[in-house]
């Protein structure tokens, strides 16, 4: 049967590693939370462009069927789409490490 001192020494040796793992996990969660928050903000901006263009039954209005033009302009709209992809892709990649 191990002595109490031996158990305490073993626990002290494992503690810094455990603390480091918890810190790394918390850092990962904070980074991922920030990325997802930003991604959702970009998505909300993109969706706001469609406000009034999509009906309750997910049917498109005549305006959108005849040619959707975002109020911010196509170049800015596409830039926002690219930023959204970047946030999602980066989040996916750090989650796989």
Protein backbone atom coordinates (compact mmCIF):
# COMPACT_ATOMS: atom_id res chain seq x y z
CA UNK A 1 0.00 0.00 0.00
CA UNK A 2 1.52 3.36 -1.02
CA UNK A 3 2.25 5.92 1.63
CA UNK A 4 0.23 9.12 1.77
CA UNK A 5 3.37 11.14 1.02
CA UNK A 6 3.92 9.13 -2.16
CA UNK A 7 0.34 9.77 -3.32
CA UNK A 8 0.64 13.49 -2.60
CA UNK A 9 3.93 13.69 -4.53
CA UNK A 10 2.35 11.89 -7.47
CA UNK A 11 -0.65 14.25 -7.44
CA UNK A 12 1.64 17.29 -7.35
CA UNK A 13 3.53 16.00 -10.39
CA UNK A 14 0.29 15.51 -12.38
CA UNK A 15 -1.23 18.82 -11.31
CA UNK A 16 0.82 21.22 -13.52
CA UNK A 17 0.15 19.11 -16.60
CA UNK A 18 -3.55 19.01 -15.81
CA UNK A 19 -3.60 22.74 -15.18
CA UNK A 20 -1.81 23.33 -18.47
CA UNK A 21 -4.33 21.17 -20.32
CA UNK A 22 -7.23 23.03 -18.74
CA UNK A 23 -5.65 26.37 -19.68
CA UNK A 24 -5.10 25.20 -23.27
CA UNK A 25 -8.69 23.99 -23.50
CA UNK A 26 -10.00 27.28 -22.12
CA UNK A 27 -7.84 29.23 -24.59
CA UNK A 28 -9.16 27.08 -27.44
CA UNK A 29 -12.74 27.63 -26.30
CA UNK A 30 -12.18 31.41 -26.09
CA UNK A 31 -10.66 31.57 -29.57
CA UNK A 32 -13.37 29.39 -31.07
CA UNK A 33 -16.09 31.38 -29.29
CA UNK A 34 -14.68 34.61 -30.71
CA UNK A 35 -14.51 33.15 -34.22
CA UNK A 36 -18.07 31.87 -34.06
CA UNK A 37 -19.32 35.18 -32.67
CA UNK A 38 -17.70 37.05 -35.57
CA UNK A 39 -18.97 34.50 -38.09
CA UNK A 40 -22.53 34.85 -36.79
CA UNK A 41 -22.28 38.64 -37.02
CA UNK A 42 -21.21 38.39 -40.66
CA UNK A 43 -23.99 35.90 -41.35
CA UNK A 44 -26.51 38.30 -39.76
CA UNK A 45 -25.30 41.09 -42.06
CA UNK A 46 -25.65 38.85 -45.10
CA UNK A 47 -29.08 37.65 -44.03
CA UNK A 48 -30.21 41.25 -43.37
CA UNK A 49 -29.64 41.92 -47.07
CA UNK A 50 -32.38 39.39 -47.75
CA UNK A 51 -34.81 41.00 -45.27
CA UNK A 52 -38.18 41.18 -46.96
CA UNK A 53 -36.88 39.16 -49.89
CA UNK A 54 -37.69 35.75 -48.42
CA UNK A 55 -41.22 35.01 -47.26
CA UNK A 56 -42.38 32.94 -44.32
CA UNK A 57 -42.66 29.81 -46.45
CA UNK A 58 -39.07 30.28 -47.70
CA UNK A 59 -40.44 31.56 -50.99
CA UNK A 60 -38.48 34.24 -52.79
CA UNK A 61 -40.05 37.59 -53.59
CA UNK A 62 -40.41 38.65 -57.20
CA UNK A 63 -37.65 41.23 -56.70
CA UNK A 64 -35.10 38.60 -55.77
CA UNK A 65 -36.18 36.26 -58.56
CA UNK A 66 -35.79 39.10 -61.04
CA UNK A 67 -32.27 39.95 -59.87
CA UNK A 68 -31.07 40.36 -56.33
CA UNK A 69 -28.84 43.36 -55.71
CA UNK A 70 -27.47 43.76 -52.18
CA UNK A 71 -27.73 47.27 -50.77
CA UNK A 72 -24.03 47.20 -49.86
CA UNK A 73 -23.08 46.31 -53.44
CA UNK A 74 -21.89 43.02 -54.86
CA UNK A 75 -18.21 43.49 -54.08
CA UNK A 76 -18.84 44.15 -50.37
CA UNK A 77 -21.45 41.38 -50.19
CA UNK A 78 -19.02 38.87 -51.71
CA UNK A 79 -16.26 40.10 -49.40
CA UNK A 80 -18.53 39.37 -46.44
CA UNK A 81 -19.18 35.89 -47.84
CA UNK A 82 -15.42 35.35 -48.07
CA UNK A 83 -14.91 36.56 -44.49
CA UNK A 84 -17.64 34.20 -43.29
CA UNK A 85 -15.93 31.30 -45.08
CA UNK A 86 -12.59 32.30 -43.53
CA UNK A 87 -14.01 32.32 -39.99
CA UNK A 88 -15.66 28.94 -40.47
CA UNK A 89 -12.64 27.37 -42.15
CA UNK A 90 -10.23 28.64 -39.47
CA UNK A 91 -12.51 27.38 -36.73
CA UNK A 92 -12.69 23.99 -38.41
CA UNK A 93 -8.91 23.77 -38.79
CA UNK A 94 -8.12 24.66 -35.16
CA UNK A 95 -10.75 22.18 -34.01
CA UNK A 96 -8.97 19.40 -35.90
CA UNK A 97 -5.57 19.97 -34.28
